[in-house]
């Protein structure tokens, strides 16, 4: 995400590298490029101008620390100001009623229905809630069916009323149903339009007034840039919503919406959608996003995702197997599956400091492990548990069964052998301590 903006900011900040001091001349030159990078990312012109003015004021108002070079200081100032521009602090959702009601709003095509399902799944798995999805989009063909499909996928009940074209009565009836059936969160998916119009605004205002939601979220397609910010302002004038959801951040996002929206509507970004899967949802952390935009990665989010997939008991079993030299391909494929559950490979690599920039032109496929999995699945149980038995004839059979070549099988065997030796070495003091620390992190 934000690759183009990240590249341009990196080039802009490169101007100060090698300078021994910060002066009005080199700061002005740097910030001219920073402003241009922000405008190219479709950031609001007024927002970009105010941002660079604040950075300039801070940069010229302090001396360079002995431990920092001018370029490093400017990066720090830009990062701090980006963080503040996108909201400063992380803001979660408020669930205080029983049931708590969340109203979803936004234009058609913004990903509102899909995100309603992601939010329900998020609340169910991470907050141990029992959500109810409500289909109030009575106009778009197949909208109700789409929500039912999403509900089945995440095992969350969907409330709809066939033939009822009044979203106000559907929403109020759904809340009554939730109270009767033990649902403590109600997520109301409303109708969108291709553009803002009076009929749409009147309808969603009536729904809002009837159900008095704990949270009203505005869902916006981050790929629409400044148009998204203008639409958010129109919705906010009517609904006074509580927060913004940015979807499709895994696409070709310029970043303008994420950077501008808080300053224009003065409402926090609460969630982001980072892919098509139902678990591709993250709480929005302004400081972490600023790090990613500036190519610093996001190690904290990476660790959090790893912790979600980390099983302490499985780790202990794995440690024993490694100690006894019994680590096999069955164990290896389990580790691959855990990595895959953490999210898209491109997104994960973007969280590693420096890796996103280094691999920006590399096409990273989410099926990167497909060939490895095919080779392992073509092995017999004996071969997976005791790789040492795999000889030349077995390799030919495995290659044929997996649709790969003997060379690819040999390459996997070599990599597996190197990894096994490395893991064995880690069983020493340093490795053991690391494993223990990981266990305590859960």
Protein backbone atom coordinates (compact mmCIF):
# COMPACT_ATOMS: atom_id res chain seq x y z
CA UNK A 1 0.00 0.00 0.00
CA UNK A 2 1.07 3.61 -0.66
CA UNK A 3 4.12 2.43 -2.66
CA UNK A 4 4.13 5.46 -4.97
CA UNK A 5 3.82 7.93 -2.09
CA UNK A 6 6.51 6.10 -0.12
CA UNK A 7 8.95 6.29 -3.05
CA UNK A 8 8.36 9.99 -3.61
CA UNK A 9 8.68 10.89 0.07
CA UNK A 10 11.89 8.87 0.25
CA UNK A 11 13.33 10.83 -2.69
CA UNK A 12 12.16 14.12 -1.18
CA UNK A 13 13.76 13.41 2.20
CA UNK A 14 16.94 12.22 0.46
CA UNK A 15 17.65 15.89 -0.35
CA UNK A 16 18.81 16.51 3.24
CA UNK A 17 21.04 13.45 3.46
CA UNK A 18 24.70 14.40 3.48
CA UNK A 19 24.04 17.95 4.71
CA UNK A 20 25.75 18.88 7.96
CA UNK A 21 23.02 21.24 9.11
CA UNK A 22 19.39 22.20 8.56
CA UNK A 23 18.98 25.54 6.78
CA UNK A 24 15.98 27.41 5.42
CA UNK A 25 17.21 26.72 1.88
CA UNK A 26 17.58 22.91 2.11
CA UNK A 27 14.39 22.57 4.19
CA UNK A 28 12.44 24.57 1.60
CA UNK A 29 13.84 22.37 -1.20
CA UNK A 30 12.90 19.21 0.71
CA UNK A 31 9.40 20.35 1.61
CA UNK A 32 8.67 21.44 -1.95
CA UNK A 33 9.17 17.81 -2.98
CA UNK A 34 7.20 16.53 0.04
CA UNK A 35 4.24 18.77 -0.89
CA UNK A 36 4.44 17.58 -4.50
CA UNK A 37 4.46 13.93 -3.32
CA UNK A 38 1.36 14.54 -1.17
CA UNK A 39 -0.50 16.28 -4.01
CA UNK A 40 0.39 13.43 -6.39
CA UNK A 41 -1.13 11.06 -3.79
CA UNK A 42 -4.36 13.11 -4.09
CA UNK A 43 -4.05 14.73 -0.68
CA UNK A 44 -6.21 17.84 -0.23
CA UNK A 45 -4.19 20.93 -1.34
CA UNK A 46 -4.93 22.91 1.83
CA UNK A 47 -4.03 19.88 3.98
CA UNK A 48 -0.72 19.37 2.12
CA UNK A 49 0.20 23.06 2.46
CA UNK A 50 -0.62 23.20 6.19
CA UNK A 51 1.31 19.96 6.73
CA UNK A 52 4.52 21.20 5.09
CA UNK A 53 4.25 24.54 6.92
CA UNK A 54 4.10 22.74 10.27
CA UNK A 55 7.07 20.54 9.34
CA UNK A 56 9.08 23.59 8.27
CA UNK A 57 8.30 25.41 11.50
CA UNK A 58 9.41 22.43 13.60
CA UNK A 59 12.51 21.71 11.50
CA UNK A 60 13.82 25.27 11.69
CA UNK A 61 12.89 25.64 15.32
CA UNK A 62 15.31 23.06 16.69
CA UNK A 63 18.96 22.10 16.49
CA UNK A 64 20.07 18.79 15.09
CA UNK A 65 20.92 16.41 17.91
CA UNK A 66 24.48 15.09 17.91
CA UNK A 67 23.11 11.57 17.41
CA UNK A 68 21.03 12.59 14.39
CA UNK A 69 21.83 13.82 10.91
CA UNK A 70 19.56 16.46 9.31
CA UNK A 71 17.90 13.84 7.10
CA UNK A 72 17.10 11.63 10.09
CA UNK A 73 15.64 14.55 12.02
CA UNK A 74 13.44 15.53 9.09
CA UNK A 75 12.17 11.94 8.76
CA UNK A 76 11.25 11.98 12.45
CA UNK A 77 9.41 15.31 12.14
CA UNK A 78 7.55 14.16 9.00
CA UNK A 79 6.62 10.88 10.71
CA UNK A 80 5.28 12.69 13.80
CA UNK A 81 3.29 15.15 11.70
CA UNK A 82 1.91 12.35 9.45
CA UNK A 83 0.80 10.52 12.59
CA UNK A 84 -1.03 13.59 13.87
CA UNK A 85 -2.54 14.29 10.45
CA UNK A 86 -4.05 10.80 10.34
CA UNK A 87 -5.51 11.08 13.83
CA UNK A 88 -2.68 10.76 16.34
CA UNK A 89 -4.11 8.18 18.72
CA UNK A 90 -5.71 4.85 17.86
CA UNK A 91 -9.50 5.04 18.32
CA UNK A 92 -11.60 1.90 18.76
CA UNK A 93 -15.34 1.45 18.49
CA UNK A 94 -17.75 2.04 21.37
CA UNK A 95 -20.03 -0.87 22.30
CA UNK A 96 -21.98 0.25 25.36
CA UNK A 97 -25.61 -0.79 24.77
CA UNK A 98 -27.10 -4.27 24.84
CA UNK A 99 -27.37 -4.95 22.03
CA UNK A 100 -24.83 -2.46 20.68
CA UNK A 101 -25.91 -1.13 17.28
CA UNK A 102 -23.45 -0.28 14.49
CA UNK A 103 -24.79 1.52 11.41
CA UNK A 104 -22.77 1.13 8.20
CA UNK A 105 -22.98 3.92 5.61
CA UNK A 106 -21.28 4.66 2.31
CA UNK A 107 -21.61 4.74 -1.46
CA UNK A 108 -22.35 1.71 -3.60
CA UNK A 109 -19.15 -0.15 -4.51
CA UNK A 110 -17.19 1.02 -1.47
CA UNK A 111 -17.11 -2.52 -0.03
CA UNK A 112 -19.68 -1.78 2.69
CA UNK A 113 -21.47 -5.14 2.65
CA UNK A 114 -18.23 -7.13 2.63
CA UNK A 115 -16.81 -5.00 5.41
CA UNK A 116 -19.96 -5.50 7.49
CA UNK A 117 -19.13 -9.22 7.39
CA UNK A 118 -15.46 -8.58 8.24
CA UNK A 119 -16.47 -6.45 11.21
CA UNK A 120 -18.90 -9.14 12.43
CA UNK A 121 -16.14 -11.74 12.13
CA UNK A 122 -13.67 -9.44 13.93
CA UNK A 123 -16.07 -8.85 16.83
CA UNK A 124 -16.93 -12.54 17.05
CA UNK A 125 -13.36 -13.83 17.09
CA UNK A 126 -11.45 -11.04 18.88
CA UNK A 127 -14.09 -9.54 21.16
CA UNK A 128 -16.10 -12.75 21.81
CA UNK A 129 -19.33 -11.04 20.77
CA UNK A 130 -22.42 -12.62 19.22
CA UNK A 131 -23.18 -10.32 16.25
CA UNK A 132 -26.27 -10.16 14.04
CA UNK A 133 -25.96 -8.84 10.48
CA UNK A 134 -28.97 -6.90 9.17
CA UNK A 135 -29.76 -6.55 5.46
CA UNK A 136 -31.23 -3.06 4.94
CA UNK A 137 -30.04 -2.57 1.35
CA UNK A 138 -33.42 -3.22 -0.28
CA UNK A 139 -32.53 -1.74 -3.70
CA UNK A 140 -29.33 -3.27 -5.04
CA UNK A 141 -29.94 -6.56 -6.83
CA UNK A 142 -28.60 -9.53 -4.84
CA UNK A 143 -27.45 -7.29 -1.94
CA UNK A 144 -29.44 -9.32 0.59
CA UNK A 145 -28.17 -12.59 -0.90
CA UNK A 146 -24.61 -11.29 -0.76
CA UNK A 147 -24.93 -10.57 2.97
CA UNK A 148 -26.41 -14.04 3.57
CA UNK A 149 -23.45 -15.61 1.72
CA UNK A 150 -21.03 -13.57 3.84
CA UNK A 151 -22.92 -14.59 6.99
CA UNK A 152 -22.70 -18.29 6.11
CA UNK A 153 -18.99 -17.92 5.41
CA UNK A 154 -18.23 -16.50 8.87
CA UNK A 155 -21.03 -18.40 10.67
CA UNK A 156 -22.91 -15.26 11.73
CA UNK A 157 -26.71 -15.02 11.52
CA UNK A 158 -28.21 -12.58 9.00
CA UNK A 159 -31.59 -10.88 9.56
CA UNK A 160 -33.61 -9.91 6.48
CA UNK A 161 -37.30 -9.48 5.60
CA UNK A 162 -38.29 -10.65 2.14
CA UNK A 163 -40.62 -8.20 0.41
CA UNK A 164 -40.19 -5.42 2.97
CA UNK A 165 -38.88 -2.27 1.26
CA UNK A 166 -38.77 -0.12 4.41
CA UNK A 167 -35.24 -0.14 5.88
CA UNK A 168 -36.41 1.67 9.04
CA UNK A 169 -38.84 -1.10 10.02
CA UNK A 170 -36.32 -3.82 9.06
CA UNK A 171 -33.66 -2.25 11.29
CA UNK A 172 -35.98 -1.75 14.29
CA UNK A 173 -37.40 -5.28 13.93
CA UNK A 174 -33.85 -6.67 13.75
CA UNK A 175 -32.90 -5.01 17.05
CA UNK A 176 -35.97 -6.53 18.71
CA UNK A 177 -35.00 -9.92 17.23
CA UNK A 178 -31.45 -9.54 18.54
CA UNK A 179 -32.72 -8.89 22.09
CA UNK A 180 -34.90 -12.02 21.94
CA UNK A 181 -32.13 -14.26 20.60
CA UNK A 182 -29.11 -13.17 22.64
CA UNK A 183 -27.23 -11.14 20.02
CA UNK A 184 -25.21 -8.43 21.76
CA UNK A 185 -24.09 -6.58 18.60
CA UNK A 186 -26.26 -5.58 15.63
CA UNK A 187 -24.51 -4.48 12.40
CA UNK A 188 -26.92 -2.72 10.02
CA UNK A 189 -25.84 -2.75 6.35
CA UNK A 190 -27.63 0.10 4.56
CA UNK A 191 -28.14 0.90 0.88
CA UNK A 192 -25.56 2.83 -1.11
CA UNK A 193 -25.90 4.86 -4.28
CA UNK A 194 -23.53 5.64 -7.12
CA UNK A 195 -23.46 9.26 -5.93
CA UNK A 196 -24.73 11.32 -3.01
CA UNK A 197 -28.40 12.26 -3.46
CA UNK A 198 -31.20 13.67 -1.27
CA UNK A 199 -33.28 10.48 -1.33
CA UNK A 200 -30.36 8.42 -0.07
CA UNK A 201 -29.45 10.92 2.64
CA UNK A 202 -33.05 11.21 3.87
CA UNK A 203 -33.38 7.44 4.07
CA UNK A 204 -30.20 6.79 6.03
CA UNK A 205 -30.96 9.78 8.30
CA UNK A 206 -34.35 8.18 9.10
CA UNK A 207 -32.72 4.83 9.88
CA UNK A 208 -30.15 6.58 12.08
CA UNK A 209 -32.87 8.46 13.97
CA UNK A 210 -34.97 5.29 14.49
CA UNK A 211 -32.21 3.02 15.85
CA UNK A 212 -29.88 5.56 17.57
CA UNK A 213 -26.71 3.52 16.92
CA UNK A 214 -23.75 3.35 19.32
CA UNK A 215 -21.48 3.67 16.30
CA UNK A 216 -22.08 5.07 12.82
CA UNK A 217 -19.26 4.16 10.46
CA UNK A 218 -18.64 5.61 7.02
CA UNK A 219 -17.09 3.09 4.63
CA UNK A 220 -14.97 4.55 1.87
CA UNK A 221 -13.03 3.04 -1.04
CA UNK A 222 -9.47 4.28 -0.45
CA UNK A 223 -8.69 4.03 -4.17
CA UNK A 224 -11.04 6.95 -4.95
CA UNK A 225 -8.66 9.44 -3.31
CA UNK A 226 -9.95 12.99 -2.82
CA UNK A 227 -13.45 12.10 -4.05
CA UNK A 228 -13.71 9.84 -1.00
CA UNK A 229 -12.91 12.76 1.30
CA UNK A 230 -15.57 14.95 -0.35
CA UNK A 231 -18.16 12.18 -0.02
CA UNK A 232 -17.22 11.66 3.63
CA UNK A 233 -17.87 15.36 4.28
CA UNK A 234 -21.34 15.13 2.67
CA UNK A 235 -22.26 12.10 4.81
CA UNK A 236 -20.85 13.64 7.96
CA UNK A 237 -22.95 16.79 7.50
CA UNK A 238 -26.08 14.60 7.62
CA UNK A 239 -25.13 11.75 9.97
CA UNK A 240 -22.34 13.19 12.13
CA UNK A 241 -20.76 9.72 11.94
CA UNK A 242 -18.32 8.43 14.56
CA UNK A 243 -15.54 7.11 12.40
CA UNK A 244 -14.25 6.09 8.98
CA UNK A 245 -13.46 2.69 7.49
CA UNK A 246 -10.97 2.59 4.60
CA UNK A 247 -11.38 -0.43 2.32
CA UNK A 248 -9.22 -1.81 -0.51
CA UNK A 249 -5.93 -0.66 0.99
CA UNK A 250 -4.35 -3.71 -0.63
CA UNK A 251 -5.01 -2.23 -4.07
CA UNK A 252 -3.31 0.57 -6.01
CA UNK A 253 -3.90 3.12 -3.26
CA UNK A 254 -2.43 6.58 -3.65
CA UNK A 255 -3.07 7.36 0.02
CA UNK A 256 -4.87 10.70 -0.29
CA UNK A 257 -7.99 9.54 1.54
CA UNK A 258 -6.10 8.05 4.49
CA UNK A 259 -3.98 11.17 4.92
CA UNK A 260 -6.64 13.85 4.29
CA UNK A 261 -9.87 12.50 5.72
CA UNK A 262 -9.22 13.21 9.42
CA UNK A 263 -8.26 16.84 8.78
CA UNK A 264 -11.31 17.49 6.55
CA UNK A 265 -14.12 15.84 8.58
CA UNK A 266 -12.36 15.71 11.98
CA UNK A 267 -13.41 12.08 12.49
CA UNK A 268 -10.96 9.24 13.16
CA UNK A 269 -10.20 6.34 10.84
CA UNK A 270 -11.15 3.31 12.94
CA UNK A 271 -10.61 0.31 10.66
CA UNK A 272 -8.92 -0.59 7.39
CA UNK A 273 -9.65 -3.42 4.97
CA UNK A 274 -6.51 -5.04 3.58
CA UNK A 275 -7.76 -7.83 1.33
CA UNK A 276 -10.71 -9.91 0.19
CA UNK A 277 -10.68 -12.54 2.95
CA UNK A 278 -13.00 -12.15 5.92
CA UNK A 279 -10.09 -11.77 8.34
CA UNK A 280 -8.45 -9.00 6.25
CA UNK A 281 -9.39 -6.26 8.71
CA UNK A 282 -7.14 -4.21 10.98
CA UNK A 283 -7.68 -1.55 13.61
CA UNK A 284 -6.19 1.68 12.22
CA UNK A 285 -3.04 2.83 14.03
CA UNK A 286 -1.91 6.26 12.72
CA UNK A 287 1.67 5.92 14.02
CA UNK A 288 2.12 2.47 12.46
CA UNK A 289 0.67 3.69 9.14
CA UNK A 290 3.08 6.65 9.16
CA UNK A 291 5.94 4.18 9.65
CA UNK A 292 4.77 2.15 6.67
CA UNK A 293 4.34 5.20 4.43
CA UNK A 294 7.92 6.23 5.24
CA UNK A 295 9.24 2.72 4.52
CA UNK A 296 9.96 1.88 8.16
CA UNK A 297 7.74 -1.19 8.24
CA UNK A 298 5.32 -2.14 11.01
CA UNK A 299 6.95 -4.70 13.26
CA UNK A 300 4.35 -4.31 16.03
CA UNK A 301 1.47 -5.32 13.75
CA UNK A 302 3.55 -8.18 12.35
CA UNK A 303 4.20 -9.51 15.87
CA UNK A 304 0.52 -9.13 16.78
CA UNK A 305 -0.53 -11.18 13.76
CA UNK A 306 2.05 -13.83 14.59
CA UNK A 307 0.79 -14.00 18.18
CA UNK A 308 -2.77 -14.57 16.96
CA UNK A 309 -1.60 -17.71 15.15
CA UNK A 310 0.86 -18.78 17.85
CA UNK A 311 -0.04 -21.93 19.77
CA UNK A 312 2.10 -22.32 22.89
CA UNK A 313 1.44 -26.06 23.22
CA UNK A 314 2.30 -26.67 19.56
CA UNK A 315 5.51 -24.64 20.02
CA UNK A 316 6.55 -26.86 22.93
CA UNK A 317 5.93 -30.01 20.88
CA UNK A 318 7.89 -28.52 17.98
CA UNK A 319 10.77 -27.64 20.29
CA UNK A 320 10.96 -31.25 21.52
CA UNK A 321 10.94 -32.58 17.95
CA UNK A 322 13.76 -30.24 16.95
CA UNK A 323 15.79 -31.28 20.01
CA UNK A 324 15.36 -34.93 19.07
CA UNK A 325 16.06 -34.26 15.39
CA UNK A 326 12.51 -35.38 14.51
CA UNK A 327 11.41 -32.22 12.67
CA UNK A 328 9.74 -33.38 9.44
CA UNK A 329 7.79 -32.06 6.48
CA UNK A 330 4.47 -32.42 8.34
CA UNK A 331 5.78 -29.91 10.88
CA UNK A 332 7.16 -27.73 8.10
CA UNK A 333 3.80 -27.49 6.32
CA UNK A 334 2.07 -26.58 9.61
CA UNK A 335 4.42 -23.59 9.90
CA UNK A 336 3.58 -22.57 6.32
CA UNK A 337 -0.15 -22.74 7.07
CA UNK A 338 0.30 -20.52 10.12
CA UNK A 339 2.17 -17.93 8.05
CA UNK A 340 -0.59 -17.98 5.41
CA UNK A 341 -3.22 -17.27 8.06
CA UNK A 342 -1.40 -14.07 9.00
CA UNK A 343 -2.47 -12.33 5.77
CA UNK A 344 -1.30 -11.65 2.22
CA UNK A 345 2.42 -12.09 1.62
CA UNK A 346 2.78 -8.62 0.12
CA UNK A 347 1.17 -7.06 3.18
CA UNK A 348 3.36 -9.06 5.57
CA UNK A 349 6.56 -8.17 3.70
CA UNK A 350 5.52 -4.50 3.80
CA UNK A 351 5.60 -4.72 7.60
CA UNK A 352 9.28 -5.71 7.64
CA UNK A 353 11.47 -2.57 7.83
CA UNK A 354 13.23 -2.03 4.50
CA UNK A 355 11.77 -5.14 2.85
CA UNK A 356 8.83 -3.34 1.25
CA UNK A 357 11.15 -0.90 -0.50
CA UNK A 358 13.65 -3.58 -1.52
CA UNK A 359 10.94 -5.83 -3.01
CA UNK A 360 8.59 -3.15 -4.36
CA UNK A 361 9.05 -4.30 -7.98
CA UNK A 362 8.80 -8.01 -7.15
CA UNK A 363 5.45 -9.64 -7.85
CA UNK A 364 4.70 -11.52 -4.62
CA UNK A 365 1.96 -14.06 -5.16
CA UNK A 366 -0.19 -15.26 -2.25
CA UNK A 367 0.23 -18.73 -3.80
CA UNK A 368 4.00 -18.53 -3.31
CA UNK A 369 3.89 -21.69 -1.18
CA UNK A 370 1.72 -23.62 -3.64
CA UNK A 371 4.62 -25.51 -5.26
CA UNK A 372 6.15 -26.40 -1.89
CA UNK A 373 2.81 -27.66 -0.57
CA UNK A 374 2.27 -29.73 -3.73
CA UNK A 375 5.69 -31.40 -3.31
CA UNK A 376 5.09 -32.18 0.38
CA UNK A 377 1.58 -33.52 -0.27
CA UNK A 378 3.04 -35.85 -2.92
CA UNK A 379 5.22 -37.54 -0.30
CA UNK A 380 4.18 -40.63 1.64
CA UNK A 381 3.62 -40.32 5.43
CA UNK A 382 6.97 -42.06 5.96
CA UNK A 383 8.77 -39.57 3.69
CA UNK A 384 7.19 -36.58 5.43
CA UNK A 385 8.15 -37.80 8.91
CA UNK A 386 11.62 -39.12 7.90
CA UNK A 387 12.96 -37.05 4.97
CA UNK A 388 16.25 -38.98 5.04
CA UNK A 389 14.55 -41.95 3.31
CA UNK A 390 13.92 -39.89 0.15
CA UNK A 391 16.27 -41.23 -2.56
CA UNK A 392 16.54 -40.62 -6.31
CA UNK A 393 13.61 -42.82 -7.40
CA UNK A 394 11.37 -41.36 -4.69
CA UNK A 395 12.26 -37.84 -5.84
CA UNK A 396 11.17 -38.71 -9.40
CA UNK A 397 7.83 -40.01 -8.11
CA UNK A 398 7.31 -36.93 -5.89
CA UNK A 399 8.15 -34.58 -8.78
CA UNK A 400 5.72 -36.37 -11.10
CA UNK A 401 2.96 -36.40 -8.47
CA UNK A 402 3.34 -32.68 -7.69
CA UNK A 403 3.72 -31.45 -11.27
CA UNK A 404 7.23 -30.16 -10.53
CA UNK A 405 10.76 -31.13 -11.53
CA UNK A 406 13.35 -33.23 -9.69
CA UNK A 407 15.46 -30.05 -9.47
CA UNK A 408 12.63 -28.30 -7.57
CA UNK A 409 12.32 -31.27 -5.20
CA UNK A 410 16.10 -31.21 -4.64
CA UNK A 411 15.96 -27.47 -3.96
CA UNK A 412 13.22 -27.92 -1.35
CA UNK A 413 15.14 -30.78 0.28
CA UNK A 414 18.27 -28.61 0.47
CA UNK A 415 16.38 -25.66 1.97
CA UNK A 416 14.64 -27.93 4.45
CA UNK A 417 17.96 -29.44 5.50
CA UNK A 418 19.51 -26.00 6.02
CA UNK A 419 16.50 -24.83 8.02
CA UNK A 420 16.56 -27.98 10.18
CA UNK A 421 20.26 -27.42 11.00
CA UNK A 422 19.60 -23.78 11.85
CA UNK A 423 16.69 -24.70 14.14
CA UNK A 424 18.86 -27.35 15.79
CA UNK A 425 21.54 -24.72 16.46
CA UNK A 426 18.89 -22.46 17.99
CA UNK A 427 18.26 -25.09 20.63
CA UNK A 428 21.31 -23.62 22.37
CA UNK A 429 21.00 -20.98 25.08
CA UNK A 430 20.02 -18.08 22.82
CA UNK A 431 17.46 -20.06 20.85
CA UNK A 432 15.90 -21.54 23.98
CA UNK A 433 15.54 -18.13 25.55
CA UNK A 434 13.89 -16.82 22.40
CA UNK A 435 11.40 -19.70 22.38
CA UNK A 436 10.61 -19.05 26.04
CA UNK A 437 10.06 -15.37 25.37
CA UNK A 438 7.71 -16.18 22.50
CA UNK A 439 5.74 -18.43 24.84
CA UNK A 440 5.36 -15.58 27.34
CA UNK A 441 4.23 -13.15 24.63
CA UNK A 442 0.94 -14.99 24.13
